[in-house]
């Protein structure tokens, strides 16, 4: 069974577009490896969290920043298909 990713975002903070962009990045990169990427409006103000199969893999408050696409792609890759190369997204800054 392919994994599912959920991006929970604060609609009051207007983070829908950021969430949709990140979902697009994940679906483009992992089109054959993911069952879905869903967006969930949060009832908690300021929340921006990403879960993979209900396991929290990124929390904006815990990390102190919004995730870069590269950062989330590496986290997802390491869990879903660790042998896969991400090409330019694997390069360090």
N, C-alpha and C. Protein backbone atom coordinates (compact mmCIF):
# COMPACT_ATOMS: atom_id res chain seq x y z
N UNK A 1 0.83 -1.18 0.00
CA UNK A 1 0.00 0.00 0.00
C UNK A 1 0.88 1.25 0.00
N UNK A 2 0.58 2.17 -0.89
CA UNK A 2 1.39 3.38 -1.00
C UNK A 2 1.07 4.34 0.14
N UNK A 3 2.07 5.09 0.60
CA UNK A 3 1.86 6.04 1.69
C UNK A 3 1.01 7.25 1.30
N UNK A 4 0.44 7.87 2.34
CA UNK A 4 -0.38 9.07 2.18
C UNK A 4 0.25 10.20 2.98
N UNK A 5 0.29 11.37 2.38
CA UNK A 5 0.83 12.54 3.05
C UNK A 5 -0.32 13.52 3.29
N UNK A 6 -0.32 14.11 4.48
CA UNK A 6 -1.30 15.13 4.83
C UNK A 6 -0.55 16.40 5.21
N UNK A 7 -0.95 17.50 4.59
CA UNK A 7 -0.41 18.81 4.94
C UNK A 7 -1.52 19.56 5.65
N UNK A 8 -1.31 19.83 6.93
CA UNK A 8 -2.29 20.57 7.73
C UNK A 8 -1.80 22.00 7.87
N UNK A 9 -2.65 22.94 7.48
CA UNK A 9 -2.23 24.33 7.41
C UNK A 9 -3.28 25.23 8.07
N UNK A 10 -2.86 26.42 8.47
CA UNK A 10 -3.76 27.40 9.09
C UNK A 10 -4.40 28.25 7.99
N UNK A 11 -5.73 28.11 7.79
CA UNK A 11 -6.38 28.92 6.77
C UNK A 11 -6.46 30.40 7.15
N UNK A 12 -6.49 30.69 8.45
CA UNK A 12 -6.56 32.09 8.90
C UNK A 12 -5.26 32.83 8.60
N UNK A 13 -4.17 32.06 8.50
CA UNK A 13 -2.86 32.65 8.18
C UNK A 13 -2.63 32.72 6.67
N UNK A 14 -3.60 32.26 5.91
CA UNK A 14 -3.53 32.27 4.44
C UNK A 14 -2.40 31.41 3.90
N UNK A 15 -2.27 30.20 4.45
CA UNK A 15 -1.21 29.30 4.03
C UNK A 15 -1.67 28.23 3.06
N UNK A 16 -2.88 28.38 2.49
CA UNK A 16 -3.38 27.41 1.52
C UNK A 16 -2.48 27.32 0.29
N UNK A 17 -2.09 28.46 -0.27
CA UNK A 17 -1.26 28.44 -1.49
C UNK A 17 0.10 27.78 -1.24
N UNK A 18 0.68 28.05 -0.09
CA UNK A 18 1.96 27.42 0.27
C UNK A 18 1.78 25.90 0.36
N UNK A 19 0.67 25.48 0.96
CA UNK A 19 0.38 24.05 1.10
C UNK A 19 0.15 23.40 -0.25
N UNK A 20 -0.61 24.06 -1.11
CA UNK A 20 -0.90 23.52 -2.44
C UNK A 20 0.37 23.41 -3.28
N UNK A 21 1.22 24.41 -3.19
CA UNK A 21 2.49 24.37 -3.92
C UNK A 21 3.34 23.19 -3.46
N UNK A 22 3.42 22.99 -2.14
CA UNK A 22 4.22 21.90 -1.60
C UNK A 22 3.62 20.55 -2.00
N UNK A 23 2.29 20.45 -2.00
CA UNK A 23 1.63 19.22 -2.43
C UNK A 23 1.98 18.92 -3.89
N UNK A 24 1.97 19.96 -4.73
CA UNK A 24 2.32 19.80 -6.14
C UNK A 24 3.75 19.31 -6.29
N UNK A 25 4.66 19.88 -5.54
CA UNK A 25 6.06 19.45 -5.58
C UNK A 25 6.20 17.97 -5.22
N UNK A 26 5.51 17.55 -4.17
CA UNK A 26 5.59 16.15 -3.73
C UNK A 26 4.96 15.21 -4.75
N UNK A 27 3.80 15.59 -5.28
CA UNK A 27 3.14 14.73 -6.26
C UNK A 27 3.94 14.63 -7.56
N UNK A 28 4.61 15.69 -7.93
CA UNK A 28 5.45 15.66 -9.13
C UNK A 28 6.66 14.75 -8.93
N UNK A 29 7.31 14.89 -7.80
CA UNK A 29 8.52 14.11 -7.52
C UNK A 29 8.21 12.65 -7.23
N UNK A 30 7.14 12.38 -6.49
CA UNK A 30 6.84 11.02 -6.04
C UNK A 30 5.55 10.48 -6.66
N UNK A 31 5.31 10.79 -7.93
CA UNK A 31 4.05 10.41 -8.59
C UNK A 31 3.78 8.91 -8.55
N UNK A 32 4.80 8.09 -8.61
CA UNK A 32 4.62 6.63 -8.59
C UNK A 32 4.71 6.04 -7.19
N UNK A 33 5.10 6.83 -6.21
CA UNK A 33 5.38 6.30 -4.88
C UNK A 33 4.35 6.65 -3.81
N UNK A 34 3.48 7.62 -4.09
CA UNK A 34 2.50 8.07 -3.10
C UNK A 34 1.08 7.75 -3.55
N UNK A 35 0.23 7.41 -2.59
CA UNK A 35 -1.19 7.20 -2.88
C UNK A 35 -1.91 8.53 -3.00
N UNK A 36 -1.51 9.49 -2.15
CA UNK A 36 -2.16 10.80 -2.17
C UNK A 36 -1.39 11.80 -1.34
N UNK A 37 -1.65 13.06 -1.64
CA UNK A 37 -1.23 14.17 -0.79
C UNK A 37 -2.49 14.99 -0.56
N UNK A 38 -2.89 15.11 0.69
CA UNK A 38 -4.12 15.84 1.00
C UNK A 38 -3.81 17.10 1.79
N UNK A 39 -4.70 18.07 1.64
CA UNK A 39 -4.60 19.33 2.36
C UNK A 39 -5.72 19.38 3.38
N UNK A 40 -5.37 19.71 4.62
CA UNK A 40 -6.36 19.77 5.70
C UNK A 40 -6.27 21.11 6.41
N UNK A 41 -7.33 21.92 6.34
CA UNK A 41 -7.35 23.17 7.10
C UNK A 41 -7.33 22.84 8.59
N UNK A 42 -6.48 23.52 9.32
CA UNK A 42 -6.36 23.28 10.76
C UNK A 42 -7.31 24.17 11.54
N UNK A 43 -7.79 23.66 12.64
CA UNK A 43 -8.60 24.45 13.56
C UNK A 43 -7.72 25.19 14.56
N UNK A 44 -6.42 24.88 14.54
CA UNK A 44 -5.46 25.49 15.46
C UNK A 44 -4.69 26.57 14.72
N UNK A 45 -4.78 27.79 15.21
CA UNK A 45 -4.13 28.93 14.57
C UNK A 45 -2.61 28.74 14.50
N UNK A 46 -2.03 29.05 13.35
CA UNK A 46 -0.58 29.01 13.19
C UNK A 46 -0.02 27.64 12.88
N UNK A 47 -0.85 26.65 12.74
CA UNK A 47 -0.34 25.29 12.52
C UNK A 47 0.04 25.08 11.06
N UNK A 48 1.20 24.44 10.88
CA UNK A 48 1.64 23.96 9.57
C UNK A 48 2.42 22.69 9.83
N UNK A 49 1.77 21.56 9.61
CA UNK A 49 2.38 20.27 9.89
C UNK A 49 2.23 19.35 8.69
N UNK A 50 3.20 18.46 8.53
CA UNK A 50 3.16 17.48 7.46
C UNK A 50 3.31 16.10 8.09
N UNK A 51 2.39 15.22 7.72
CA UNK A 51 2.40 13.85 8.24
C UNK A 51 2.46 12.87 7.09
N UNK A 52 3.13 11.76 7.33
CA UNK A 52 3.18 10.67 6.37
C UNK A 52 2.57 9.46 7.07
N UNK A 53 1.46 8.97 6.55
CA UNK A 53 0.73 7.87 7.20
C UNK A 53 0.48 8.17 8.68
N UNK A 54 0.03 9.35 8.97
CA UNK A 54 -0.31 9.80 10.33
C UNK A 54 0.89 9.94 11.27
N UNK A 55 2.10 9.84 10.74
CA UNK A 55 3.31 10.08 11.52
C UNK A 55 3.82 11.47 11.18
N UNK A 56 3.93 12.33 12.19
CA UNK A 56 4.39 13.70 11.98
C UNK A 56 5.84 13.70 11.50
N UNK A 57 6.07 14.31 10.33
CA UNK A 57 7.44 14.38 9.81
C UNK A 57 7.97 15.81 9.76
N UNK A 58 7.07 16.79 9.88
CA UNK A 58 7.52 18.19 9.92
C UNK A 58 6.49 19.02 10.66
N UNK A 59 6.97 19.87 11.57
CA UNK A 59 6.12 20.79 12.31
C UNK A 59 6.81 22.16 12.30
N UNK A 60 6.14 23.14 11.72
CA UNK A 60 6.71 24.48 11.58
C UNK A 60 7.13 25.05 12.93
N UNK A 61 6.33 24.88 13.95
CA UNK A 61 6.69 25.44 15.27
C UNK A 61 7.89 24.73 15.86
N UNK A 62 7.94 23.42 15.74
CA UNK A 62 9.06 22.64 16.29
C UNK A 62 10.36 22.98 15.56
N UNK A 63 10.29 23.10 14.23
CA UNK A 63 11.48 23.35 13.43
C UNK A 63 11.88 24.82 13.39
N UNK A 64 10.91 25.70 13.65
CA UNK A 64 11.20 27.13 13.68
C UNK A 64 11.21 27.81 12.32
N UNK A 65 10.72 27.11 11.29
CA UNK A 65 10.67 27.68 9.94
C UNK A 65 9.69 26.88 9.08
N UNK A 66 9.35 27.45 7.94
CA UNK A 66 8.58 26.71 6.95
C UNK A 66 9.54 25.80 6.21
N UNK A 67 9.05 24.65 5.76
CA UNK A 67 9.94 23.74 5.04
C UNK A 67 10.20 24.21 3.61
N UNK A 68 11.39 24.00 3.16
CA UNK A 68 11.71 24.16 1.75
C UNK A 68 11.27 22.87 1.06
N UNK A 69 10.92 22.94 -0.20
CA UNK A 69 10.52 21.74 -0.94
C UNK A 69 11.61 20.68 -0.88
N UNK A 70 12.85 21.10 -1.04
CA UNK A 70 14.00 20.19 -1.01
C UNK A 70 14.05 19.42 0.31
N UNK A 71 13.83 20.13 1.40
CA UNK A 71 13.89 19.53 2.73
C UNK A 71 12.82 18.45 2.90
N UNK A 72 11.58 18.75 2.49
CA UNK A 72 10.50 17.79 2.62
C UNK A 72 10.69 16.61 1.67
N UNK A 73 11.16 16.88 0.47
CA UNK A 73 11.41 15.79 -0.48
C UNK A 73 12.45 14.82 0.07
N UNK A 74 13.48 15.34 0.72
CA UNK A 74 14.50 14.46 1.29
C UNK A 74 13.94 13.63 2.44
N UNK A 75 13.12 14.23 3.29
CA UNK A 75 12.50 13.49 4.40
C UNK A 75 11.60 12.39 3.86
N UNK A 76 10.74 12.73 2.88
CA UNK A 76 9.83 11.74 2.30
C UNK A 76 10.62 10.64 1.61
N UNK A 77 11.60 11.00 0.82
CA UNK A 77 12.43 10.01 0.14
C UNK A 77 13.08 9.05 1.13
N UNK A 78 13.64 9.59 2.22
CA UNK A 78 14.34 8.75 3.20
C UNK A 78 13.41 7.72 3.83
N UNK A 79 12.12 8.01 3.90
CA UNK A 79 11.14 7.09 4.49
C UNK A 79 10.54 6.16 3.42
N UNK A 80 10.16 6.72 2.30
CA UNK A 80 9.40 5.99 1.28
C UNK A 80 10.29 5.16 0.34
N UNK A 81 11.36 5.75 -0.13
CA UNK A 81 12.23 5.05 -1.09
C UNK A 81 13.67 5.54 -0.91
N UNK A 82 14.34 5.10 0.16
CA UNK A 82 15.66 5.63 0.52
C UNK A 82 16.75 5.43 -0.54
N UNK A 83 16.57 4.49 -1.44
CA UNK A 83 17.59 4.24 -2.46
C UNK A 83 17.50 5.21 -3.63
N UNK A 84 16.44 5.97 -3.69
CA UNK A 84 16.17 6.87 -4.82
C UNK A 84 17.02 8.14 -4.75
N UNK A 85 17.51 8.55 -5.92
CA UNK A 85 18.22 9.82 -6.02
C UNK A 85 17.21 10.93 -6.33
N UNK A 86 17.42 12.07 -5.72
CA UNK A 86 16.58 13.23 -5.99
C UNK A 86 17.27 14.24 -6.90
N UNK A 87 18.37 13.82 -7.49
CA UNK A 87 19.09 14.70 -8.42
C UNK A 87 19.55 15.98 -7.74
N UNK A 88 19.18 17.13 -8.30
CA UNK A 88 19.65 18.40 -7.76
C UNK A 88 19.12 18.67 -6.35
N UNK A 89 18.03 18.02 -5.94
CA UNK A 89 17.50 18.22 -4.59
C UNK A 89 18.34 17.51 -3.54
N UNK A 90 19.25 16.65 -3.96
CA UNK A 90 20.14 15.99 -3.01
C UNK A 90 21.38 16.81 -2.70
N UNK A 91 21.66 17.80 -3.52
CA UNK A 91 22.85 18.62 -3.29
C UNK A 91 22.70 19.52 -2.09
N UNK A 92 23.75 19.65 -1.33
CA UNK A 92 23.76 20.55 -0.17
C UNK A 92 23.81 21.99 -0.66
N UNK A 93 23.30 22.90 0.18
CA UNK A 93 23.33 24.33 -0.17
C UNK A 93 24.75 24.86 -0.12
